[in-house]
Amino acid sequence: MRDDYLQNALKVIDDPNILINVISRRVKQLRRGNRPLVESLEKLSAEDTALREVAEGKITYELATPEELARHR
C-alpha cells in the first residue's frame, strides 16, 4: 500500500477506523470484479485503487443513524 495514497485518503476520511472499513469493503468489491472508478497508467493493487478512489472523492460513506442500528438488532 502506497503511503502517499493513504495520506491523501486520510484527508478525505480522517477517522482511520472508518477509512479501514470503507477501503476493506471496496477492496472486496474490486476483487469480485467491480470496475475501478479511477484510471491509472500503472498496475495498482486493489488497496491502492480503493485509496485513490476515496482520495479523489469517487467513494463516500454514510454512518447509520441510531434508529437504523436499532432496526438491525
C-alpha atoms as a PDB file:
ATOM      1  CA  MET A   1       0.000   0.000   0.000  1.00  0.00           C
ATOM      2  CA  ARG A   2       1.426   3.349  -1.023  1.00  0.00           C
ATOM      3  CA  ASP A   3       1.795   5.816   1.823  1.00  0.00           C
ATOM      4  CA  ASP A   4       1.011   8.832  -0.364  1.00  0.00           C
ATOM      5  CA  TYR A   5      -2.360   7.300  -1.338  1.00  0.00           C
ATOM      6  CA  LEU A   6      -3.074   6.536   2.310  1.00  0.00           C
ATOM      7  CA  GLN A   7      -2.250  10.081   3.424  1.00  0.00           C
ATOM      8  CA  ASN A   8      -4.441  11.580   0.675  1.00  0.00           C
ATOM      9  CA  ALA A   9      -7.346   9.285   1.604  1.00  0.00           C
ATOM     10  CA  LEU A  10      -6.986  10.283   5.278  1.00  0.00           C
ATOM     11  CA  LYS A  11      -7.508  13.904   4.233  1.00  0.00           C
ATOM     12  CA  VAL A  12     -10.960  12.898   2.956  1.00  0.00           C
ATOM     13  CA  ILE A  13     -11.919  10.364   5.658  1.00  0.00           C
ATOM     14  CA  ASP A  14      -9.975  11.466   8.729  1.00  0.00           C
ATOM     15  CA  ASP A  15     -11.146   8.667  11.051  1.00  0.00           C
ATOM     16  CA  PRO A  16      -8.752   5.727  10.472  1.00  0.00           C
ATOM     17  CA  ASN A  17     -11.324   3.167  11.643  1.00  0.00           C
ATOM     18  CA  ILE A  18     -13.924   4.365   9.154  1.00  0.00           C
ATOM     19  CA  LEU A  19     -11.304   4.548   6.404  1.00  0.00           C
ATOM     20  CA  ILE A  20     -10.280   0.940   7.065  1.00  0.00           C
ATOM     21  CA  ASN A  21     -13.903  -0.202   6.798  1.00  0.00           C
ATOM     22  CA  VAL A  22     -14.552   1.748   3.589  1.00  0.00           C
ATOM     23  CA  ILE A  23     -11.337   0.510   1.959  1.00  0.00           C
ATOM     24  CA  SER A  24     -11.946  -3.081   3.078  1.00  0.00           C
ATOM     25  CA  ARG A  25     -15.436  -3.154   1.587  1.00  0.00           C
ATOM     26  CA  ARG A  26     -14.242  -1.585  -1.678  1.00  0.00           C
ATOM     27  CA  VAL A  27     -11.288  -3.981  -1.983  1.00  0.00           C
ATOM     28  CA  LYS A  28     -13.708  -6.917  -1.711  1.00  0.00           C
ATOM     29  CA  GLN A  29     -15.832  -5.385  -4.472  1.00  0.00           C
ATOM     30  CA  LEU A  30     -12.802  -4.851  -6.721  1.00  0.00           C
ATOM     31  CA  ARG A  31     -11.574  -8.407  -6.163  1.00  0.00           C
ATOM     32  CA  ARG A  32     -15.034  -9.708  -7.111  1.00  0.00           C
ATOM     33  CA  GLY A  33     -14.705  -7.959 -10.448  1.00  0.00           C
ATOM     34  CA  ASN A  34     -16.189  -4.489  -9.973  1.00  0.00           C
ATOM     35  CA  ARG A  35     -14.547  -1.932 -12.220  1.00  0.00           C
ATOM     36  CA  PRO A  36     -12.250   0.705 -10.720  1.00  0.00           C
ATOM     37  CA  LEU A  37     -13.625   4.249 -10.603  1.00  0.00           C
ATOM     38  CA  VAL A  38     -10.197   5.762 -11.326  1.00  0.00           C
ATOM     39  CA  GLU A  39      -7.831   5.257 -14.229  1.00  0.00           C
ATOM     40  CA  SER A  40      -4.157   4.534 -13.816  1.00  0.00           C
ATOM     41  CA  LEU A  41      -1.296   4.029 -16.220  1.00  0.00           C
ATOM     42  CA  GLU A  42       0.391   1.747 -13.702  1.00  0.00           C
ATOM     43  CA  LYS A  43      -0.925  -1.536 -12.330  1.00  0.00           C
ATOM     44  CA  LEU A  44      -2.321  -0.755  -8.871  1.00  0.00           C
ATOM     45  CA  SER A  45      -3.263  -3.187  -6.136  1.00  0.00           C
ATOM     46  CA  ALA A  46      -6.930  -3.291  -5.121  1.00  0.00           C
ATOM     47  CA  GLU A  47      -5.974  -1.470  -1.899  1.00  0.00           C
ATOM     48  CA  ASP A  48      -4.212   1.358  -3.729  1.00  0.00           C
ATOM     49  CA  THR A  49      -7.089   1.653  -6.195  1.00  0.00           C
ATOM     50  CA  ALA A  50      -9.586   1.945  -3.329  1.00  0.00           C
ATOM     51  CA  LEU A  51      -7.432   4.559  -1.574  1.00  0.00           C
ATOM     52  CA  ARG A  52      -7.225   6.623  -4.767  1.00  0.00           C
ATOM     53  CA  GLU A  53     -10.989   6.353  -5.228  1.00  0.00           C
ATOM     54  CA  VAL A  54     -11.521   7.767  -1.726  1.00  0.00           C
ATOM     55  CA  ALA A  55      -8.880  10.486  -2.172  1.00  0.00           C
ATOM     56  CA  GLU A  56     -10.466  11.593  -5.463  1.00  0.00           C
ATOM     57  CA  GLY A  57     -13.957  11.708  -3.971  1.00  0.00           C
ATOM     58  CA  LYS A  58     -15.289   8.788  -6.018  1.00  0.00           C
ATOM     59  CA  ILE A  59     -16.295   6.862  -2.874  1.00  0.00           C
ATOM     60  CA  THR A  60     -18.124   8.224   0.137  1.00  0.00           C
ATOM     61  CA  TYR A  61     -19.742   6.743   3.214  1.00  0.00           C
ATOM     62  CA  GLU A  62     -22.715   7.389   5.423  1.00  0.00           C
ATOM     63  CA  LEU A  63     -22.979   6.486   9.100  1.00  0.00           C
ATOM     64  CA  ALA A  64     -26.097   4.645  10.224  1.00  0.00           C
ATOM     65  CA  THR A  65     -28.492   6.543  12.460  1.00  0.00           C
ATOM     66  CA  PRO A  66     -29.355   5.150  15.915  1.00  0.00           C
ATOM     67  CA  GLU A  67     -32.799   4.234  14.544  1.00  0.00           C
ATOM     68  CA  GLU A  68     -31.281   2.241  11.687  1.00  0.00           C
ATOM     69  CA  LEU A  69     -28.976   0.438  14.089  1.00  0.00           C
ATOM     70  CA  ALA A  70     -31.898  -0.417  16.381  1.00  0.00           C
ATOM     71  CA  ARG A  71     -33.826  -1.978  13.481  1.00  0.00           C
ATOM     72  CA  HIS A  72     -30.970  -4.408  12.799  1.00  0.00           C
ATOM     73  CA  ARG A  73     -30.780  -5.815  16.324  1.00  0.00           C
END
